[in-house]
Every structure is written in structure tokens, then in C-alpha cells.
N, C-alpha and C. Protein backbone atom coordinates (compact mmCIF):
# COMPACT_ATOMS: atom_id res chain seq x y z
N MET A 1 -6.54 18.65 5.44
CA MET A 1 -7.21 17.43 5.24
C MET A 1 -8.07 17.36 6.51
N LYS A 2 -9.35 16.88 6.30
CA LYS A 2 -10.19 16.73 7.45
C LYS A 2 -10.23 15.28 7.89
N PHE A 3 -10.48 15.00 9.17
CA PHE A 3 -10.49 13.77 9.77
C PHE A 3 -11.51 12.73 9.17
N LYS A 4 -12.62 13.47 8.57
CA LYS A 4 -13.70 12.51 8.05
C LYS A 4 -13.23 11.97 6.60
N ASP A 5 -12.11 12.50 6.08
CA ASP A 5 -11.70 12.10 4.86
C ASP A 5 -10.51 11.01 4.93
N ILE A 6 -10.10 10.80 6.28
CA ILE A 6 -9.08 9.77 6.30
C ILE A 6 -9.63 8.38 6.40
N LEU A 7 -9.01 7.46 5.54
CA LEU A 7 -9.46 6.17 5.48
C LEU A 7 -8.86 5.37 6.72
N LYS A 8 -9.57 4.33 7.07
CA LYS A 8 -9.05 3.43 8.15
C LYS A 8 -8.29 2.31 7.41
N SER A 9 -7.08 2.09 7.92
CA SER A 9 -6.11 1.11 7.45
C SER A 9 -6.78 -0.26 7.64
N PRO A 10 -6.57 -1.16 6.60
CA PRO A 10 -7.13 -2.46 6.80
C PRO A 10 -6.48 -3.22 8.00
N ILE A 11 -7.16 -4.09 8.70
CA ILE A 11 -6.78 -4.84 9.82
C ILE A 11 -6.97 -6.30 9.45
N PHE A 12 -5.92 -7.10 9.65
CA PHE A 12 -5.98 -8.52 9.36
C PHE A 12 -5.89 -9.30 10.65
N PRO A 13 -6.45 -10.39 10.77
CA PRO A 13 -6.38 -11.33 11.98
C PRO A 13 -4.90 -11.61 12.34
N LEU A 14 -4.56 -11.68 13.67
CA LEU A 14 -3.24 -12.04 14.10
C LEU A 14 -2.86 -13.51 13.44
N GLY A 15 -1.72 -13.54 13.00
CA GLY A 15 -1.23 -14.80 12.27
C GLY A 15 -1.63 -14.93 10.84
N HIS A 16 -2.20 -13.82 10.27
CA HIS A 16 -2.68 -14.00 8.89
C HIS A 16 -1.38 -14.20 7.99
N ARG A 17 -1.45 -15.16 7.07
CA ARG A 17 -0.33 -15.54 6.26
C ARG A 17 -0.67 -15.23 4.80
N TRP A 18 0.21 -14.56 4.05
CA TRP A 18 0.05 -14.23 2.70
C TRP A 18 0.63 -15.43 1.86
N ASP A 19 -0.07 -16.05 1.07
CA ASP A 19 0.44 -17.05 0.09
C ASP A 19 0.86 -16.47 -1.19
N PHE A 20 2.29 -16.02 -1.29
CA PHE A 20 2.69 -15.48 -2.38
C PHE A 20 3.62 -16.50 -3.12
N VAL A 21 3.72 -16.24 -4.36
CA VAL A 21 4.45 -17.05 -5.27
C VAL A 21 5.47 -16.15 -6.06
N LYS A 22 6.70 -16.41 -6.03
CA LYS A 22 7.58 -15.62 -6.94
C LYS A 22 7.47 -15.90 -8.32
N ARG A 23 7.80 -14.96 -9.23
CA ARG A 23 7.79 -15.12 -10.54
C ARG A 23 8.80 -16.21 -10.97
N LYS A 24 8.38 -16.92 -11.99
CA LYS A 24 9.42 -18.08 -12.39
C LYS A 24 10.41 -17.61 -13.38
N ASN A 25 10.06 -16.85 -14.37
CA ASN A 25 10.97 -16.42 -15.58
C ASN A 25 11.94 -15.35 -15.16
N GLN A 26 11.79 -14.77 -14.06
CA GLN A 26 12.83 -13.65 -13.76
C GLN A 26 13.08 -13.65 -12.29
N TYR A 27 14.13 -12.97 -11.75
CA TYR A 27 14.44 -12.74 -10.30
C TYR A 27 13.40 -11.87 -9.65
N GLU A 28 12.90 -12.30 -8.44
CA GLU A 28 12.04 -11.53 -7.76
C GLU A 28 12.22 -11.88 -6.31
N SER A 29 12.47 -10.81 -5.51
CA SER A 29 12.72 -11.07 -3.95
C SER A 29 11.38 -11.54 -3.26
N ASP A 30 11.45 -12.08 -2.13
CA ASP A 30 10.42 -12.52 -1.36
C ASP A 30 9.61 -11.22 -1.04
N VAL A 31 10.17 -10.21 -0.69
CA VAL A 31 9.52 -8.90 -0.31
C VAL A 31 8.67 -8.37 -1.48
N THR A 32 9.39 -8.29 -2.70
CA THR A 32 8.58 -7.87 -3.89
C THR A 32 7.37 -8.71 -4.20
N ALA A 33 7.51 -10.05 -4.07
CA ALA A 33 6.33 -10.98 -4.23
C ALA A 33 5.29 -10.75 -3.16
N LEU A 34 5.61 -10.45 -2.02
CA LEU A 34 4.69 -10.29 -0.95
C LEU A 34 3.88 -9.04 -1.09
N VAL A 35 4.59 -8.03 -1.52
CA VAL A 35 4.11 -6.56 -1.76
C VAL A 35 3.01 -6.82 -2.97
N ARG A 36 3.52 -7.41 -4.05
CA ARG A 36 2.63 -7.65 -5.20
C ARG A 36 1.38 -8.36 -4.78
N LYS A 37 1.42 -9.37 -4.08
CA LYS A 37 0.27 -10.16 -3.55
C LYS A 37 -0.54 -9.34 -2.63
N MET A 38 -0.08 -8.49 -1.80
CA MET A 38 -0.89 -7.69 -0.90
C MET A 38 -1.62 -6.68 -1.62
N LEU A 39 -1.06 -6.15 -2.77
CA LEU A 39 -1.76 -5.15 -3.46
C LEU A 39 -2.86 -5.68 -4.40
N GLU A 40 -3.10 -7.00 -4.38
CA GLU A 40 -4.24 -7.61 -4.98
C GLU A 40 -5.52 -7.31 -4.16
N ASN A 41 -5.21 -7.15 -2.77
CA ASN A 41 -6.34 -6.88 -1.82
C ASN A 41 -6.84 -5.55 -2.00
N GLU A 42 -8.19 -5.33 -2.43
CA GLU A 42 -8.68 -3.94 -2.68
C GLU A 42 -8.47 -2.88 -1.47
N SER A 43 -8.71 -3.48 -0.33
CA SER A 43 -8.61 -2.57 0.70
C SER A 43 -7.15 -1.96 0.99
N ILE A 44 -6.09 -2.84 0.80
CA ILE A 44 -4.82 -2.33 0.96
C ILE A 44 -4.54 -1.50 -0.27
N GLN A 45 -5.13 -1.74 -1.51
CA GLN A 45 -4.74 -0.88 -2.72
C GLN A 45 -5.42 0.50 -2.41
N ALA A 46 -6.57 0.54 -1.83
CA ALA A 46 -7.10 1.91 -1.56
C ALA A 46 -6.35 2.66 -0.55
N ASP A 47 -5.93 1.83 0.47
CA ASP A 47 -5.14 2.53 1.64
C ASP A 47 -3.94 3.22 1.05
N GLN A 48 -3.27 2.29 0.28
CA GLN A 48 -1.88 2.78 -0.37
C GLN A 48 -2.20 4.00 -1.26
N ARG A 49 -3.25 4.04 -1.98
CA ARG A 49 -3.55 5.03 -3.05
C ARG A 49 -3.75 6.31 -2.19
N PHE A 50 -4.60 6.19 -1.27
CA PHE A 50 -4.84 7.44 -0.20
C PHE A 50 -3.54 7.87 0.30
N ALA A 51 -2.57 6.95 0.89
CA ALA A 51 -1.31 7.38 1.37
C ALA A 51 -0.60 8.21 0.31
N TRP A 52 -0.48 7.63 -0.77
CA TRP A 52 0.31 8.22 -1.82
C TRP A 52 -0.18 9.55 -2.19
N GLU A 53 -1.48 9.81 -2.36
CA GLU A 53 -2.09 11.14 -2.71
C GLU A 53 -1.84 12.10 -1.56
N ARG A 54 -1.98 11.50 -0.39
CA ARG A 54 -1.76 12.50 0.80
C ARG A 54 -0.22 13.05 0.75
N TRP A 55 0.65 11.93 0.47
CA TRP A 55 2.08 12.42 0.48
C TRP A 55 2.40 13.31 -0.61
N ARG A 56 1.84 13.12 -1.86
CA ARG A 56 2.05 14.01 -2.87
C ARG A 56 1.49 15.41 -2.59
N ALA A 57 0.25 15.39 -2.08
CA ALA A 57 -0.30 16.75 -1.63
C ALA A 57 0.46 17.58 -0.55
N GLU A 58 1.04 16.77 0.44
CA GLU A 58 1.88 17.40 1.44
C GLU A 58 3.23 17.89 0.86
N ASP A 59 3.69 17.10 0.02
CA ASP A 59 5.07 17.48 -0.72
C ASP A 59 4.83 18.76 -1.49
N ARG A 60 3.85 18.75 -2.18
CA ARG A 60 3.49 20.08 -3.13
C ARG A 60 3.29 21.22 -2.29
N LEU A 61 2.68 21.19 -1.07
CA LEU A 61 2.37 22.29 -0.14
C LEU A 61 3.67 22.81 0.61
N THR A 62 4.55 21.96 0.81
CA THR A 62 5.80 22.31 1.62
C THR A 62 6.78 22.94 0.79
N LYS A 63 6.82 22.85 -0.54
CA LYS A 63 7.77 23.37 -1.45
C LYS A 63 7.47 24.89 -1.85
N ARG A 64 8.53 25.71 -1.75
CA ARG A 64 8.40 27.13 -2.07
C ARG A 64 8.45 27.30 -3.72
N PRO A 65 7.65 28.17 -4.30
CA PRO A 65 7.61 28.32 -5.65
C PRO A 65 8.88 29.08 -6.19
């Protein structure tokens, strides 16, 4: 992987608060609701997709056939 391909992680202002709402009809923890709300942000979604793809690529390269 080249450094030019690495995305910059999103930076939010100090004290940024996420206004999340838990689902009403089923149990949902605060953490799950917070993550669900954070993934609505496109910059976080792109950052997490990049991290997942990088992790999958490294996992594939480290396993022996």
C-alpha cells in the first residue's frame, strides 16, 4: 500500500456531541445506537470502508496457502 492511497481519518471539533436515538421496538445499547448514527456521516463511512478493505487485504496476504 502506498502512502498516497491512505485516507485521512475525519476530525471533529473538541466537544462534538452525537445526537443518537435508540430504536424503540427492540433492545439497542447506547454504543450500538452511537455507531449507527456515526456511520450516517459519509467521511466516517469512507474511513471505515477503507480500514475494512485494508484489514481484509492484510489478512489475505499473511495466510499461507
